[in-house]
Protein backbone atom coordinates (compact mmCIF):
# COMPACT_ATOMS: atom_id res chain seq x y z
CA UNK A 1 -18.23 -6.24 -34.36
CA UNK A 2 -18.95 -9.99 -33.40
CA UNK A 3 -22.71 -10.74 -31.79
CA UNK A 4 -21.05 -13.21 -28.40
CA UNK A 5 -18.39 -10.02 -27.68
CA UNK A 6 -22.09 -8.69 -26.70
CA UNK A 7 -23.30 -12.03 -25.54
CA UNK A 8 -23.24 -11.41 -22.10
CA UNK A 9 -24.42 -8.32 -20.10
CA UNK A 10 -21.91 -5.96 -18.52
CA UNK A 11 -21.11 -4.94 -15.16
CA UNK A 12 -18.20 -2.64 -14.55
CA UNK A 13 -16.66 -1.54 -11.49
CA UNK A 14 -16.23 2.33 -11.45
CA UNK A 15 -14.78 4.62 -8.61
CA UNK A 16 -11.40 6.61 -7.72
CA UNK A 17 -8.20 5.44 -7.06
CA UNK A 18 -7.00 3.09 -4.77
CA UNK A 19 -10.44 1.94 -3.49
CA UNK A 20 -9.40 -2.01 -4.34
CA UNK A 21 -11.37 -2.22 -7.78
CA UNK A 22 -8.66 -4.59 -9.01
CA UNK A 23 -8.51 -6.77 -6.05
CA UNK A 24 -12.53 -7.35 -5.72
CA UNK A 25 -12.19 -7.73 -9.86
CA UNK A 26 -9.95 -10.41 -9.32
CA UNK A 27 -12.16 -12.24 -6.22
CA UNK A 28 -15.22 -11.82 -9.04
CA UNK A 29 -13.23 -13.78 -11.66
CA UNK A 30 -11.03 -15.97 -9.45
CA UNK A 31 -7.81 -14.98 -10.62
CA UNK A 32 -5.04 -12.85 -9.82
CA UNK A 33 -5.47 -11.11 -13.27
CA UNK A 34 -5.45 -7.92 -12.98
CA UNK A 35 -2.07 -6.64 -10.87
CA UNK A 36 -2.58 -5.01 -7.31
CA UNK A 37 -0.60 -2.82 -5.20
CA UNK A 38 -1.03 0.09 -2.53
CA UNK A 39 0.15 2.69 -5.18
CA UNK A 40 -2.78 4.56 -5.98
CA UNK A 41 -3.45 4.44 -10.33
CA UNK A 42 -1.66 1.10 -11.01
CA UNK A 43 -4.92 -0.13 -13.19
CA UNK A 44 -5.20 2.03 -16.77
CA UNK A 45 -6.65 0.47 -19.28
CA UNK A 46 -10.21 -1.01 -18.39
CA UNK A 47 -9.42 -5.33 -18.44
CA UNK A 48 -12.45 -7.69 -18.56
CA UNK A 49 -13.29 -11.02 -16.92
CA UNK A 50 -16.14 -13.43 -16.58
CA UNK A 51 -17.92 -13.99 -13.35
CA UNK A 52 -19.36 -17.31 -12.94
CA UNK A 53 -21.23 -19.23 -9.54
CA UNK A 54 -23.22 -21.44 -9.03
CA UNK A 55 -26.87 -20.98 -9.82
CA UNK A 56 -26.38 -17.68 -11.42
CA UNK A 57 -26.10 -16.71 -14.70
CA UNK A 58 -23.23 -15.74 -15.50
CA UNK A 59 -22.29 -12.02 -16.26
CA UNK A 60 -18.91 -10.15 -17.65
CA UNK A 61 -17.26 -7.73 -15.46
CA UNK A 62 -14.84 -4.88 -16.01
CA UNK A 63 -12.44 -3.56 -14.19
CA UNK A 64 -11.68 0.44 -14.89
CA UNK A 65 -9.17 2.95 -13.84
CA UNK A 66 -9.22 4.95 -10.94
CA UNK A 67 -11.46 8.18 -12.21
CA UNK A 68 -10.83 11.85 -10.36
CA UNK A 69 -13.48 14.60 -11.51
CA UNK A 70 -14.33 18.00 -10.13
CA UNK A 71 -17.64 19.59 -8.81
CA UNK A 72 -18.46 20.30 -12.78
CA UNK A 73 -17.55 17.45 -14.03
CA UNK A 74 -14.36 18.26 -15.55
CA UNK A 75 -11.24 15.74 -14.71
CA UNK A 76 -9.09 16.53 -11.77
CA UNK A 77 -5.20 15.56 -11.58
CA UNK A 78 -5.44 12.49 -10.20
CA UNK A 79 -2.67 10.37 -7.91
CA UNK A 80 1.04 10.27 -9.42
CA UNK A 81 0.21 6.91 -10.82
CA UNK A 82 -1.84 7.98 -12.57
CA UNK A 83 -1.08 11.75 -13.46
CA UNK A 84 -1.40 12.98 -17.13
CA UNK A 85 -3.75 10.20 -18.33
CA UNK A 86 -6.48 10.89 -16.05
CA UNK A 87 -8.69 11.68 -19.13
CA UNK A 88 -7.74 9.00 -21.12
CA UNK A 89 -8.70 6.92 -18.15
CA UNK A 90 -12.49 8.12 -17.98
CA UNK A 91 -12.79 7.57 -21.90
CA UNK A 92 -11.81 3.65 -21.35
CA UNK A 93 -14.38 4.49 -18.54
CA UNK A 94 -16.68 5.97 -20.51
CA UNK A 95 -16.48 3.93 -23.13
CA UNK A 96 -17.50 0.78 -20.88
CA UNK A 97 -20.66 2.83 -19.01
CA UNK A 98 -21.95 2.86 -22.44
CA UNK A 99 -22.14 -1.26 -23.43
CA UNK A 100 -22.66 -1.97 -19.29
CA UNK A 101 -26.42 -3.39 -17.88
CA UNK A 102 -25.46 -1.65 -14.06
CA UNK A 103 -22.94 -0.38 -12.82
CA UNK A 104 -20.64 -1.85 -9.76
CA UNK A 105 -19.63 1.73 -7.86
CA UNK A 106 -16.87 0.84 -5.90
CA UNK A 107 -16.21 3.53 -1.97
CA UNK A 108 -13.52 2.52 0.88
CA UNK A 109 -15.89 1.89 4.10
CA UNK A 110 -12.26 3.17 6.14
CA UNK A 111 -11.86 6.62 3.65
CA UNK A 112 -15.40 7.27 3.96
CA UNK A 113 -17.53 9.34 1.89
CA UNK A 114 -14.52 12.04 0.10
CA UNK A 115 -15.74 14.73 -2.93
CA UNK A 116 -14.16 12.71 -5.07
CA UNK A 117 -16.43 9.68 -4.21
CA UNK A 118 -19.57 12.62 -5.04
CA UNK A 119 -18.49 13.98 -8.00
CA UNK A 120 -18.48 10.41 -9.62
CA UNK A 121 -21.49 9.48 -7.97
CA UNK A 122 -22.79 12.23 -9.99
CA UNK A 123 -21.38 11.33 -13.26
CA UNK A 124 -22.66 7.49 -13.44
CA UNK A 125 -26.28 8.58 -11.68
CA UNK A 126 -26.41 10.94 -15.21
CA UNK A 127 -25.77 7.43 -16.84
CA UNK A 128 -29.22 6.42 -15.91
CA UNK A 129 -28.59 2.20 -15.42
CA UNK A 130 -29.13 -0.04 -11.92
CA UNK A 131 -26.01 2.03 -9.78
CA UNK A 132 -25.11 -0.19 -7.00
CA UNK A 133 -22.65 1.11 -4.43
CA UNK A 134 -19.97 -1.98 -2.95
CA UNK A 135 -18.30 -0.29 0.29
CA UNK A 136 -15.21 -2.20 -0.04
CA UNK A 137 -12.44 -2.71 3.56
CA UNK A 138 -15.42 -3.23 6.03
CA UNK A 139 -13.94 -6.35 8.10
CA UNK A 140 -17.04 -7.70 9.59
CA UNK A 141 -20.34 -7.27 10.32
CA UNK A 142 -19.53 -5.23 13.41
CA UNK A 143 -18.22 -2.91 11.49
CA UNK A 144 -20.79 -2.50 8.56
CA UNK A 145 -23.24 0.09 9.85
CA UNK A 146 -20.28 2.20 11.05
CA UNK A 147 -18.74 2.68 7.58
CA UNK A 148 -21.72 2.34 5.56
CA UNK A 149 -23.34 5.36 7.37
CA UNK A 150 -22.02 8.51 4.98
CA UNK A 151 -22.61 6.61 1.83
CA UNK A 152 -26.53 6.69 1.76
CA UNK A 153 -26.08 10.24 1.08
CA UNK A 154 -25.78 9.03 -2.18
CA UNK A 155 -28.77 7.40 -2.73
CA UNK A 156 -27.74 4.51 -3.76
CA UNK A 157 -28.45 0.92 -2.45
CA UNK A 158 -25.18 -0.09 -0.65
CA UNK A 159 -23.67 -3.61 0.14
CA UNK A 160 -20.81 -3.52 2.49
CA UNK A 161 -17.42 -5.94 0.90
CA UNK A 162 -13.88 -6.83 1.82
CA UNK A 163 -12.26 -7.77 -1.47
CA UNK A 164 -9.40 -8.64 0.51
CA UNK A 165 -10.74 -11.11 2.99
CA UNK A 166 -13.46 -12.62 0.89
CA UNK A 167 -16.35 -10.87 3.20
CA UNK A 168 -19.77 -10.92 1.36
CA UNK A 169 -18.11 -11.64 -2.32
CA UNK A 170 -20.93 -14.25 -2.80
CA UNK A 171 -23.76 -11.83 -1.49
CA UNK A 172 -21.70 -9.24 -4.19
CA UNK A 173 -22.49 -11.89 -6.72
CA UNK A 174 -26.03 -12.02 -6.14
CA UNK A 175 -26.22 -8.88 -5.83
CA UNK A 176 -24.85 -7.92 -9.24
CA UNK A 177 -27.13 -10.60 -11.18
CA UNK A 178 -30.09 -9.60 -9.87
CA UNK A 179 -29.89 -6.12 -11.32
CA UNK A 180 -28.96 -7.39 -14.56
CA UNK A 181 -31.82 -8.13 -17.52
CA UNK A 182 -33.20 -11.32 -18.07
CA UNK A 183 -32.05 -12.69 -21.41
CA UNK A 184 -33.96 -14.59 -24.27
CA UNK A 185 -31.67 -17.03 -24.61
CA UNK A 186 -29.54 -19.77 -22.06
CA UNK A 187 -26.69 -17.00 -21.35
CA UNK A 188 -24.43 -19.80 -21.05
CA UNK A 189 -25.36 -20.51 -24.97
CA UNK A 190 -23.84 -17.17 -25.55
CA UNK A 191 -20.57 -16.96 -24.17
CA UNK A 192 -17.49 -15.72 -25.64
CA UNK A 193 -15.25 -18.19 -28.43
CA UNK A 194 -12.06 -18.23 -27.45
CA UNK A 195 -10.99 -17.25 -29.66
CA UNK A 196 -6.84 -17.01 -30.90
CA UNK A 197 -4.99 -15.75 -28.24
CA UNK A 198 -1.90 -13.58 -29.22
CA UNK A 199 0.68 -11.58 -26.80
CA UNK A 200 2.47 -8.64 -27.56
CA UNK A 201 5.97 -8.55 -26.03
CA UNK A 202 7.93 -5.92 -26.26
CA UNK A 203 10.26 -3.58 -25.09
CA UNK A 204 8.86 0.07 -23.28
CA UNK A 205 7.36 1.82 -26.04
CA UNK A 206 7.92 -0.22 -28.96
CA UNK A 207 3.84 0.49 -29.77
CA UNK A 208 1.73 -2.70 -28.97
CA UNK A 209 -1.56 -1.01 -27.78
CA UNK A 210 -0.89 0.94 -31.16
CA UNK A 211 -0.85 -2.10 -32.73
CA UNK A 212 -3.46 -3.45 -30.84
CA UNK A 213 -5.56 -0.68 -31.61
CA UNK A 214 -5.06 -0.21 -35.53
CA UNK A 215 -5.63 -3.79 -35.72
CA UNK A 216 -8.80 -4.44 -33.87
CA UNK A 217 -10.62 -1.08 -35.18
CA UNK A 218 -10.90 0.15 -31.34
CA UNK A 219 -9.23 2.71 -29.20
CA UNK A 220 -8.93 0.20 -26.76
CA UNK A 221 -5.63 0.45 -25.40
CA UNK A 222 -4.42 3.99 -24.03
CA UNK A 223 -1.46 5.17 -26.05
CA UNK A 224 0.70 7.42 -24.80
CA UNK A 225 4.64 8.77 -25.82
CA UNK A 226 5.18 7.99 -22.30
CA UNK A 227 6.94 4.37 -21.51
CA UNK A 228 5.71 2.15 -19.54
CA UNK A 229 1.86 2.93 -19.70
CA UNK A 230 0.66 -0.44 -20.28
CA UNK A 231 0.61 -2.08 -16.58
CA UNK A 232 -2.04 -5.26 -16.53
CA UNK A 233 -1.89 -7.33 -19.39
CA UNK A 234 -5.00 -6.12 -20.92
CA UNK A 235 -7.16 -9.07 -22.95
CA UNK A 236 -8.81 -6.92 -26.11
CA UNK A 237 -11.73 -9.26 -27.67
CA UNK A 238 -12.47 -8.40 -31.46
CA UNK A 239 -13.75 -10.12 -34.90
CA UNK A 240 -11.75 -9.92 -38.13
CA UNK A 241 -12.77 -11.69 -41.43
CA UNK A 242 -15.58 -14.36 -39.68
CA UNK A 243 -12.66 -15.36 -36.92
CA UNK A 244 -12.21 -14.37 -33.38
CA UNK A 245 -9.26 -13.27 -31.77
CA UNK A 246 -8.06 -12.23 -28.37
CA UNK A 247 -5.46 -9.36 -27.68
CA UNK A 248 -3.24 -9.52 -24.27
CA UNK A 249 -1.39 -5.85 -24.46
CA UNK A 250 1.18 -6.78 -21.89
CA UNK A 251 3.78 -4.05 -20.21
CA UNK A 252 7.05 -3.19 -21.74
CA UNK A 253 9.80 -5.67 -20.74
CA UNK A 254 12.93 -3.45 -19.16
CA UNK A 255 16.31 -5.62 -18.16
CA UNK A 256 15.68 -6.13 -14.72
CA UNK A 257 18.91 -4.63 -13.57
CA UNK A 258 16.87 -1.10 -14.49
CA UNK A 259 13.16 -2.36 -12.76
CA UNK A 260 13.33 -0.59 -9.61
CA UNK A 261 9.16 -0.20 -9.39
CA UNK A 262 7.91 -2.79 -7.67
CA UNK A 263 4.65 -2.98 -9.98
CA UNK A 264 7.05 -2.77 -12.79
CA UNK A 265 8.06 -6.20 -11.39
CA UNK A 266 4.49 -7.34 -11.19
CA UNK A 267 3.78 -6.50 -15.20
CA UNK A 268 6.89 -7.33 -16.41
CA UNK A 269 6.02 -11.20 -15.10
CA UNK A 270 2.62 -11.12 -16.17
CA UNK A 271 3.98 -9.66 -19.69
CA UNK A 272 6.50 -13.03 -19.90
CA UNK A 273 3.75 -14.83 -18.24
CA UNK A 274 1.48 -14.40 -20.79
CA UNK A 275 3.54 -15.82 -23.28
CA UNK A 276 2.82 -19.40 -21.74
CA UNK A 277 -1.16 -18.79 -21.93
CA UNK A 278 -1.21 -17.19 -25.87
CA UNK A 279 -1.36 -19.07 -29.30
CA UNK A 280 1.50 -17.19 -30.97
CA UNK A 281 3.29 -14.53 -29.67
CA UNK A 282 4.08 -11.33 -31.56
CA UNK A 283 7.38 -9.51 -30.29
CA UNK A 284 7.39 -6.04 -31.24
CA UNK A 285 10.15 -4.63 -31.74
CA UNK A 286 10.88 -0.57 -32.90
CA UNK A 287 12.49 -0.09 -36.15
CA UNK A 288 13.49 3.03 -35.36
CA UNK A 289 15.77 1.76 -32.54
CA UNK A 290 16.86 -1.38 -34.35
CA UNK A 291 17.52 -4.38 -32.30
CA UNK A 292 18.44 -4.16 -28.73
CA UNK A 293 20.46 -6.10 -26.19
CA UNK A 294 16.95 -6.63 -24.37
CA UNK A 295 15.34 -7.20 -27.83
CA UNK A 296 17.67 -9.74 -28.14
CA UNK A 297 17.19 -11.31 -24.84
CA UNK A 298 12.96 -11.76 -25.66
CA UNK A 299 14.04 -13.57 -28.79
CA UNK A 300 17.00 -16.16 -26.82
CA UNK A 301 13.95 -16.69 -24.42
CA UNK A 302 11.32 -17.75 -26.78
CA UNK A 303 13.23 -19.67 -28.54
CA UNK A 304 14.69 -21.96 -25.65
CA UNK A 305 10.67 -22.08 -24.72
CA UNK A 306 10.02 -23.08 -28.42
CA UNK A 307 6.79 -20.22 -27.55
CA UNK A 308 5.38 -19.62 -31.75
CA UNK A 309 6.66 -16.00 -32.57
CA UNK A 310 6.47 -13.22 -35.07
CA UNK A 311 8.60 -10.24 -34.83
CA UNK A 312 7.15 -7.30 -35.94
CA UNK A 313 9.28 -4.54 -36.94
CA UNK A 314 7.29 -1.50 -35.99
CA UNK A 315 7.33 2.41 -36.99
CA UNK A 316 8.85 1.91 -40.06
CA UNK A 317 7.43 5.37 -41.72
CA UNK A 318 9.43 6.53 -39.60
CA UNK A 319 12.46 5.16 -41.09
CA UNK A 320 14.70 6.94 -44.10
CA UNK A 321 13.64 5.34 -47.80
CA UNK A 322 15.55 1.88 -47.74
CA UNK A 323 16.19 1.95 -44.04
CA UNK A 324 13.43 -0.72 -44.03
CA UNK A 325 15.45 -4.08 -45.46
CA UNK A 326 18.05 -2.90 -43.89
CA UNK A 327 16.82 -3.04 -40.21
CA UNK A 328 15.13 -6.28 -41.43
CA UNK A 329 18.48 -8.40 -42.58
CA UNK A 330 20.15 -6.88 -39.36
CA UNK A 331 17.21 -8.98 -37.31
CA UNK A 332 17.96 -11.89 -39.75
CA UNK A 333 21.40 -11.89 -39.21
CA UNK A 334 20.10 -11.97 -35.00
CA UNK A 335 17.54 -14.51 -36.02
CA UNK A 336 20.44 -17.08 -37.27
CA UNK A 337 19.80 -19.57 -33.95
CA UNK A 338 16.13 -19.60 -35.09
CA UNK A 339 15.13 -18.75 -38.89
CA UNK A 340 12.73 -20.29 -38.62
CA UNK A 341 10.65 -17.40 -36.90
CA UNK A 342 9.21 -15.42 -39.52
CA UNK A 343 9.96 -10.82 -39.65
CA UNK A 344 7.74 -8.48 -40.44
CA UNK A 345 8.56 -4.52 -41.01
CA UNK A 346 4.90 -2.63 -40.13
CA UNK A 347 3.53 0.35 -39.07
CA UNK A 348 0.40 0.99 -36.86
CA UNK A 349 0.41 4.63 -38.00
CA UNK A 350 -0.04 4.06 -41.76
CA UNK A 351 -1.21 0.48 -41.55
CA UNK A 352 1.45 -1.33 -43.67
CA UNK A 353 1.35 -4.86 -43.67
CA UNK A 354 -1.09 -4.64 -40.47
CA UNK A 355 -3.27 -6.88 -42.89
CA UNK A 356 -0.78 -9.74 -42.92
CA UNK A 357 -0.34 -10.15 -39.08
CA UNK A 358 -3.78 -12.11 -38.44
CA UNK A 359 -3.18 -14.52 -41.29
CA UNK A 360 0.47 -15.46 -40.35
CA UNK A 361 -0.50 -15.88 -37.02
CA UNK A 362 -3.53 -18.75 -38.06
CA UNK A 363 -0.66 -20.29 -40.03
CA UNK A 364 1.59 -20.86 -37.59
CA UNK A 365 -1.16 -21.70 -35.23
CA UNK A 366 -2.25 -24.65 -37.87
CA UNK A 367 1.75 -25.87 -37.93
CA UNK A 368 1.97 -25.79 -34.34
CA UNK A 369 -1.27 -28.44 -34.11
CA UNK A 370 0.15 -30.40 -36.91
CA UNK A 371 0.39 -34.38 -36.09
CA UNK A 372 1.84 -36.68 -38.34
CA UNK A 373 1.75 -40.55 -38.93
CA UNK A 374 4.60 -43.08 -37.89
CA UNK A 375 4.46 -44.30 -41.07
CA UNK A 376 4.50 -41.24 -43.29
CA UNK A 377 7.48 -40.28 -40.96
CA UNK A 378 9.58 -43.23 -41.04
CA UNK A 379 9.73 -43.15 -45.10
CA UNK A 380 10.26 -39.14 -44.53
CA UNK A 381 13.39 -40.65 -42.32
CA UNK A 382 14.59 -42.71 -44.75
CA UNK A 383 14.66 -40.46 -47.61
CA UNK A 384 16.53 -38.06 -46.07
CA UNK A 385 19.25 -40.47 -44.09
CA UNK A 386 19.66 -42.16 -47.77
CA UNK A 387 20.17 -38.02 -49.25
CA UNK A 388 22.95 -38.08 -46.44
CA UNK A 389 23.46 -40.08 -43.76
CA UNK A 390 25.38 -39.38 -40.44
CA UNK A 391 28.35 -38.67 -39.81
CA UNK A 392 31.02 -41.26 -38.45
CA UNK A 393 31.75 -41.13 -34.96
CA UNK A 394 34.62 -42.45 -33.52
CA UNK A 395 34.63 -44.60 -36.68
CA UNK A 396 31.23 -45.69 -36.59
CA UNK A 397 27.97 -44.73 -38.04
CA UNK A 398 25.17 -43.98 -35.52
CA UNK A 399 22.40 -46.31 -36.49
CA UNK A 400 18.63 -44.39 -36.99
CA UNK A 401 15.71 -47.18 -35.89
CA UNK A 402 12.79 -45.14 -36.29
CA UNK A 403 10.95 -41.73 -35.69
CA UNK A 404 7.80 -40.82 -34.01
CA UNK A 405 5.96 -38.00 -33.01
CA UNK A 406 5.53 -37.20 -29.17
CA UNK A 407 3.57 -34.02 -29.01
CA UNK A 408 2.44 -31.09 -31.11
CA UNK A 409 2.27 -27.54 -30.12
CA UNK A 410 4.78 -27.10 -30.55
CA UNK A 411 5.83 -30.54 -33.05
CA UNK A 412 7.83 -32.52 -31.01
CA UNK A 413 10.16 -35.69 -32.82
CA UNK A 414 11.77 -38.18 -31.72
CA UNK A 415 14.33 -40.17 -33.38
CA UNK A 416 15.28 -43.33 -31.92
CA UNK A 417 19.39 -44.37 -32.19
CA UNK A 418 21.88 -46.53 -31.17
CA UNK A 419 23.63 -44.02 -29.51
CA UNK A 420 21.97 -40.33 -29.04
CA UNK A 421 24.79 -38.86 -27.83
CA UNK A 422 27.12 -39.26 -30.69
CA UNK A 423 24.33 -37.27 -33.25
CA UNK A 424 26.43 -33.94 -33.94
CA UNK A 425 23.92 -30.62 -33.85
CA UNK A 426 25.05 -29.85 -37.05
CA UNK A 427 22.95 -33.49 -38.52
CA UNK A 428 19.93 -32.38 -35.92
CA UNK A 429 20.03 -28.91 -37.90
CA UNK A 430 19.87 -30.81 -41.24
CA UNK A 431 17.04 -33.39 -39.81
CA UNK A 432 15.28 -30.40 -38.95
CA UNK A 433 15.84 -28.79 -41.53
CA UNK A 434 14.45 -31.47 -44.20
CA UNK A 435 11.33 -32.57 -41.51
CA UNK A 436 10.53 -28.61 -42.00
CA UNK A 437 10.46 -29.02 -45.95
CA UNK A 438 8.88 -32.50 -46.28
CA UNK A 439 6.16 -31.44 -44.01
CA UNK A 440 5.33 -27.52 -44.60
CA UNK A 441 6.33 -26.53 -41.00
CA UNK A 442 7.65 -23.31 -42.54
CA UNK A 443 7.36 -20.97 -38.99
CA UNK A 444 6.39 -23.08 -36.05
CA UNK A 445 9.02 -23.96 -33.33
CA UNK A 446 10.04 -27.77 -33.60
CA UNK A 447 11.67 -29.93 -30.93
CA UNK A 448 14.07 -32.66 -32.49
CA UNK A 449 15.06 -35.36 -29.51
CA UNK A 450 17.39 -38.72 -29.76
CA UNK A 451 16.65 -41.22 -27.69
CA UNK A 452 19.28 -44.38 -27.37
CA UNK A 453 17.69 -47.49 -28.57
CA UNK A 454 19.43 -51.26 -29.17
CA UNK A 455 16.11 -52.69 -31.62
CA UNK A 456 14.25 -51.22 -34.74
CA UNK A 457 10.26 -51.19 -33.69
CA UNK A 458 8.39 -51.38 -37.02
CA UNK A 459 6.46 -48.64 -38.06
CA UNK A 460 2.76 -48.55 -38.98
CA UNK A 461 0.75 -46.43 -41.39
C-alpha cells in the first residue's frame, strides 16, 4: 500500500439512505462526481474525493451508501434501491471508517430523528472517533432551532447545512478540518500522486468490479451477479510495483433503447464521460457471451474518439478448453477497422493474465505521449513513398511535400500534399501502418490528416 494513499486525513460521510450524503459530497469536493437522485439507494460503493478550501489543510472525504441497522446493530432491510446490498454497503462503510480520522454523520432535518438514525449513531459511537452530526436539508437560519432540536439527543456536536443550496458548507469544512489531527508534514506535500487513470467500461455484469478487486488486491467494489450493481463512476487508487494507478469503475452500458431508469441513464452517461478523462480504457467483454452488438457499438465509439484502449476477454475460466482462442479470433475479426487494439483473455476469478494488464497499459500510455522530430518524420516519409508510391488520381500522382506531428495523446500526423482529397483511403491505411512500424507505435490510436499545400517546406531535424 502506498504511503500517499494514507497521506491526507480522512472524513467519512455516514448516514441512512436518502439523507443527501452524495449531494453533500459533491458540494464539498466542488464537482458533480456522485450521482444524486431522489430515489433512495443510488450510492452503493464508496467514493473518495479531496476537500480544498483556502486557509484550511486539505482532507479526503469518503461518500458511503445508505446504512440500515436495527436496534441490535444487525443489518436491516433497506429501500428498494439497495435491497440485497445492505450487508455489502455496511462492509464498505466500515472499511472506510477503519481508516478515518473523523465522521460526518448526516441526518435529514426535514424528516427529523428516525430509529434508523439512532441505530446508526450507536454503531458509529462504538468506533470511538470524533463525530460531527450534520443536519442536512435546513434551508436557513430561521429553521435551524426547530429542525435541529431532536438531534441533540444523539449527544454529538451539531451543524445545520443545506447541501442542495450551499447553506453553511464553508462552516462545515472548517468544523471538519478542526476535528482532524495535526500532521508532522504539510498535508499539501503529501497529497496523492495523480497516477495513471484506467477506466473500466463494458456491458452490465461483464465483471468490471471483480477485475478491479482482483488487480488492486482490495475488496473495494461491491460484486454481485445482479447486473447494474455499480452506478457511480468510482475511483479506486492503489500502488503496484512502485507505480500509482487509479481505476475508474463505471456502470454497465446497455443499449439506450433498454434504459428506462433515470438513475441508469445518469450512470451510463457518467461511464462514457469517464473514458475521456482516463489515460487508458479497459473494455471488458464477457467471453462466455461473446462479442455483443453493444460491445461492437462501444468499440466503434472508442475508435472514433481515438481513445487508447485494451479489450479484456473476462471469465475465460467458464469457457470449454480451446474456446478462448475461438472467442479471441472472433473479436480480432471485428477489430479489422482498428486492428492496433490489443485483445487479452483474462479471468478475475483465477487471476489468469491479470499481471499483464498494467504493464501493457503503461506501454500504451508511453506510446500515446511519443513526440517525433520533424526531420526524422520527413526522412521516414521519403522512405515510405519510395517503397510504395501514391496511386494515380485522374492521371496525376499526388505530391507529398512534408510531414509534421501536430500533437500527441494520441499521436497526430499531418501530411502536406498537392491534393488532400485525392489520397485514397487504402493509401492512408498504408501510411499509418508504415508509421506505426517505423516509430514503434504498436497499440496507441493514431490520427492521420492530409492538408492541401502547394509548396515544400524545409524540414528541420
